Amino acid sequence: MQFTAAQIAMLINGKVDGNADTAVASFGKIEEAQQGQLAFLANPKYEDFLYTTNASVIIVNETQELKQPISATLIKVPDAYSAFATLLDKYQQIQQQQLTGIQQPTYIDATAKIGENVFIGAFACLGKNGQ
């Protein structure tokens, strides 16, 4: 599941500094993170990794001052540690809400082919072959 920096910022009430469309699909420690991963910086002793990490998006305290340019998109929040904890909690909730089944009302043609463990939302209209 991928999220953009803008979507993450909205979940944790942060402000994006950089490309809001940068997408991430997993989490990583700031010292080990790779492109496509989200990291956070809350402890000043890890600040040097802010300049060497390959993380695509980093959650930082809004008071964080940059000493040199970085390539990652930042999400600035009042408290990076609690924002990251909040994000993990919300991510877990999203994972648990993976819906399956068919909500009503829907129209599904008798010839439509529907896969297993799918979710079809209310007011969907499916013709042949699930289209």
C-alpha atoms as a PDB file:
ATOM      1  CA  MET A   1       0.000   0.000   0.000  1.00  0.00           C
ATOM      2  CA  GLN A   2       1.473   3.352  -1.009  1.00  0.00           C
ATOM      3  CA  PHE A   3       0.904   6.756   0.546  1.00  0.00           C
ATOM      4  CA  THR A   4       2.069  10.178  -0.597  1.00  0.00           C
ATOM      5  CA  ALA A   5       3.728  12.693   1.672  1.00  0.00           C
ATOM      6  CA  ALA A   6       0.558  14.808   1.417  1.00  0.00           C
ATOM      7  CA  GLN A   7      -1.623  11.903   2.584  1.00  0.00           C
ATOM      8  CA  ILE A   8       0.710  11.150   5.487  1.00  0.00           C
ATOM      9  CA  ALA A   9       0.863  14.805   6.491  1.00  0.00           C
ATOM     10  CA  MET A  10      -2.925  14.914   6.543  1.00  0.00           C
ATOM     11  CA  LEU A  11      -3.057  11.865   8.854  1.00  0.00           C
ATOM     12  CA  ILE A  12      -0.618  13.378  11.367  1.00  0.00           C
ATOM     13  CA  ASN A  13      -1.444  17.085  10.956  1.00  0.00           C
ATOM     14  CA  GLY A  14       1.949  17.865   9.497  1.00  0.00           C
ATOM     15  CA  LYS A  15       3.246  20.300   6.900  1.00  0.00           C
ATOM     16  CA  VAL A  16       5.022  19.018   3.786  1.00  0.00           C
ATOM     17  CA  ASP A  17       8.365  20.602   2.925  1.00  0.00           C
ATOM     18  CA  GLY A  18       9.301  19.286  -0.519  1.00  0.00           C
ATOM     19  CA  ASN A  19       7.434  17.197  -3.077  1.00  0.00           C
ATOM     20  CA  ALA A  20       3.987  16.390  -1.633  1.00  0.00           C
ATOM     21  CA  ASP A  21       3.521  13.680  -4.288  1.00  0.00           C
ATOM     22  CA  THR A  22       6.520  11.627  -3.120  1.00  0.00           C
ATOM     23  CA  ALA A  23       5.188   8.144  -2.386  1.00  0.00           C
ATOM     24  CA  VAL A  24       6.340   5.596   0.180  1.00  0.00           C
ATOM     25  CA  ALA A  25       5.309   1.985   0.662  1.00  0.00           C
ATOM     26  CA  SER A  26       7.115   0.991   3.870  1.00  0.00           C
ATOM     27  CA  PHE A  27       8.940   2.218   6.952  1.00  0.00           C
ATOM     28  CA  GLY A  28      12.665   2.230   7.662  1.00  0.00           C
ATOM     29  CA  LYS A  29      15.107   3.352  10.342  1.00  0.00           C
ATOM     30  CA  ILE A  30      16.603   6.677   9.334  1.00  0.00           C
ATOM     31  CA  GLU A  31      20.084   5.145   9.272  1.00  0.00           C
ATOM     32  CA  GLU A  32      19.005   2.238   7.007  1.00  0.00           C
ATOM     33  CA  ALA A  33      16.016   3.546   5.017  1.00  0.00           C
ATOM     34  CA  GLN A  34      15.940   3.224   1.236  1.00  0.00           C
ATOM     35  CA  GLN A  35      14.069   5.049  -1.509  1.00  0.00           C
ATOM     36  CA  GLY A  36      10.345   4.447  -1.225  1.00  0.00           C
ATOM     37  CA  GLN A  37      10.522   4.288   2.571  1.00  0.00           C
ATOM     38  CA  LEU A  38       9.392   6.626   5.344  1.00  0.00           C
ATOM     39  CA  ALA A  39      11.612   7.397   8.334  1.00  0.00           C
ATOM     40  CA  PHE A  40      11.458   9.791  11.251  1.00  0.00           C
ATOM     41  CA  LEU A  41      13.935  11.859  13.236  1.00  0.00           C
ATOM     42  CA  ALA A  42      13.085  12.627  16.848  1.00  0.00           C
ATOM     43  CA  ASN A  43      16.373  12.088  18.666  1.00  0.00           C
ATOM     44  CA  PRO A  44      19.072  14.716  17.934  1.00  0.00           C
ATOM     45  CA  LYS A  45      21.830  12.080  18.197  1.00  0.00           C
ATOM     46  CA  TYR A  46      20.585  10.676  14.858  1.00  0.00           C
ATOM     47  CA  GLU A  47      20.579  14.047  13.085  1.00  0.00           C
ATOM     48  CA  ASP A  48      23.621  13.216  10.940  1.00  0.00           C
ATOM     49  CA  PHE A  49      21.579  10.470   9.251  1.00  0.00           C
ATOM     50  CA  LEU A  50      19.156  13.135   8.030  1.00  0.00           C
ATOM     51  CA  TYR A  51      21.804  14.104   5.471  1.00  0.00           C
ATOM     52  CA  THR A  52      22.840  10.591   4.421  1.00  0.00           C
ATOM     53  CA  THR A  53      19.628   8.582   4.475  1.00  0.00           C
ATOM     54  CA  ASN A  54      18.020   7.341   1.283  1.00  0.00           C
ATOM     55  CA  ALA A  55      14.526   7.623   2.788  1.00  0.00           C
ATOM     56  CA  SER A  56      12.070   9.340   0.456  1.00  0.00           C
ATOM     57  CA  VAL A  57      10.016  10.970   3.220  1.00  0.00           C
ATOM     58  CA  ILE A  58      11.115  11.890   6.747  1.00  0.00           C
ATOM     59  CA  ILE A  59       8.975  13.070   9.655  1.00  0.00           C
ATOM     60  CA  VAL A  60      10.837  15.726  11.652  1.00  0.00           C
ATOM     61  CA  ASN A  61      10.126  18.206  14.424  1.00  0.00           C
ATOM     62  CA  GLU A  62       8.953  21.547  13.079  1.00  0.00           C
ATOM     63  CA  THR A  63      11.880  23.166  14.920  1.00  0.00           C
ATOM     64  CA  GLN A  64      14.416  21.089  12.955  1.00  0.00           C
ATOM     65  CA  GLU A  65      16.912  23.367  11.227  1.00  0.00           C
ATOM     66  CA  LEU A  66      18.784  21.989   8.235  1.00  0.00           C
ATOM     67  CA  LYS A  67      22.562  22.361   8.231  1.00  0.00           C
ATOM     68  CA  GLN A  68      22.874  21.226   4.613  1.00  0.00           C
ATOM     69  CA  PRO A  69      20.611  20.333   1.687  1.00  0.00           C
ATOM     70  CA  ILE A  70      18.727  17.040   1.699  1.00  0.00           C
ATOM     71  CA  SER A  71      16.954  15.152  -1.054  1.00  0.00           C
ATOM     72  CA  ALA A  72      14.089  13.731   1.001  1.00  0.00           C
ATOM     73  CA  THR A  73      10.665  15.302   1.405  1.00  0.00           C
ATOM     74  CA  LEU A  74      10.094  16.396   4.998  1.00  0.00           C
ATOM     75  CA  ILE A  75       6.885  16.349   6.984  1.00  0.00           C
ATOM     76  CA  LYS A  76       7.198  18.838   9.826  1.00  0.00           C
ATOM     77  CA  VAL A  77       5.219  18.243  13.014  1.00  0.00           C
ATOM     78  CA  PRO A  78       5.359  19.551  16.602  1.00  0.00           C
ATOM     79  CA  ASP A  79       6.615  16.164  17.933  1.00  0.00           C
ATOM     80  CA  ALA A  80       8.083  13.695  15.412  1.00  0.00           C
ATOM     81  CA  TYR A  81       8.094  10.772  17.845  1.00  0.00           C
ATOM     82  CA  SER A  82       4.403  11.010  18.749  1.00  0.00           C
ATOM     83  CA  ALA A  83       3.449  11.765  15.114  1.00  0.00           C
ATOM     84  CA  PHE A  84       5.220   8.597  13.982  1.00  0.00           C
ATOM     85  CA  ALA A  85       3.486   6.582  16.720  1.00  0.00           C
ATOM     86  CA  THR A  86       0.139   8.041  15.602  1.00  0.00           C
ATOM     87  CA  LEU A  87       0.918   7.151  11.990  1.00  0.00           C
ATOM     88  CA  LEU A  88       1.766   3.556  12.907  1.00  0.00           C
ATOM     89  CA  ASP A  89      -1.511   3.274  14.809  1.00  0.00           C
ATOM     90  CA  LYS A  90      -3.528   4.671  11.901  1.00  0.00           C
ATOM     91  CA  TYR A  91      -1.705   2.413   9.427  1.00  0.00           C
ATOM     92  CA  GLN A  92      -2.585  -0.615  11.549  1.00  0.00           C
ATOM     93  CA  GLN A  93      -6.236   0.485  11.615  1.00  0.00           C
ATOM     94  CA  ILE A  94      -6.241   0.816   7.824  1.00  0.00           C
ATOM     95  CA  GLN A  95      -4.719  -2.649   7.450  1.00  0.00           C
ATOM     96  CA  GLN A  96      -7.407  -4.133   9.695  1.00  0.00           C
ATOM     97  CA  GLN A  97     -10.157  -2.447   7.714  1.00  0.00           C
ATOM     98  CA  GLN A  98      -9.404  -4.303   4.507  1.00  0.00           C
ATOM     99  CA  LEU A  99     -12.999  -4.923   3.527  1.00  0.00           C
ATOM    100  CA  THR A 100     -14.395  -7.848   1.584  1.00  0.00           C
ATOM    101  CA  GLY A 101     -17.877  -8.570   0.330  1.00  0.00           C
ATOM    102  CA  ILE A 102     -20.536  -6.616  -1.512  1.00  0.00           C
ATOM    103  CA  GLN A 103     -22.293  -3.576  -0.095  1.00  0.00           C
ATOM    104  CA  GLN A 104     -25.826  -2.821  -1.168  1.00  0.00           C
ATOM    105  CA  PRO A 105     -27.230  -1.358  -3.276  1.00  0.00           C
ATOM    106  CA  THR A 106     -25.193  -2.575  -6.260  1.00  0.00           C
ATOM    107  CA  TYR A 107     -25.931  -3.845  -9.733  1.00  0.00           C
ATOM    108  CA  ILE A 108     -23.925  -6.880 -10.758  1.00  0.00           C
ATOM    109  CA  ASP A 109     -24.700  -8.510 -14.093  1.00  0.00           C
ATOM    110  CA  ALA A 110     -25.320 -12.256 -13.854  1.00  0.00           C
ATOM    111  CA  THR A 111     -22.379 -12.831 -16.219  1.00  0.00           C
ATOM    112  CA  ALA A 112     -19.915 -10.696 -14.229  1.00  0.00           C
ATOM    113  CA  LYS A 113     -16.848 -12.522 -12.930  1.00  0.00           C
ATOM    114  CA  ILE A 114     -15.769 -11.473  -9.455  1.00  0.00           C
ATOM    115  CA  GLY A 115     -12.560 -12.624  -7.786  1.00  0.00           C
ATOM    116  CA  GLU A 116     -12.172 -13.912  -4.250  1.00  0.00           C
ATOM    117  CA  ASN A 117     -11.719 -11.625  -1.244  1.00  0.00           C
ATOM    118  CA  VAL A 118     -12.789  -8.499  -3.114  1.00  0.00           C
ATOM    119  CA  PHE A 119     -14.808  -5.559  -1.899  1.00  0.00           C
ATOM    120  CA  ILE A 120     -17.514  -3.980  -4.037  1.00  0.00           C
ATOM    121  CA  GLY A 121     -18.812  -0.719  -2.634  1.00  0.00           C
ATOM    122  CA  ALA A 122     -22.397   0.471  -2.614  1.00  0.00           C
ATOM    123  CA  PHE A 123     -23.749   1.865  -5.896  1.00  0.00           C
ATOM    124  CA  ALA A 124     -21.224  -0.080  -7.999  1.00  0.00           C
ATOM    125  CA  CYS A 125     -22.380  -1.242 -11.396  1.00  0.00           C
ATOM    126  CA  LEU A 126     -20.596  -4.266 -12.854  1.00  0.00           C
ATOM    127  CA  GLY A 127     -21.202  -5.686 -16.288  1.00  0.00           C
ATOM    128  CA  LYS A 128     -19.602  -8.694 -17.966  1.00  0.00           C
ATOM    129  CA  ASN A 129     -16.161  -9.754 -16.726  1.00  0.00           C
ATOM    130  CA  GLY A 130     -16.380  -7.371 -13.761  1.00  0.00           C
ATOM    131  CA  GLN A 131     -16.418  -4.233 -15.933  1.00  0.00           C
END
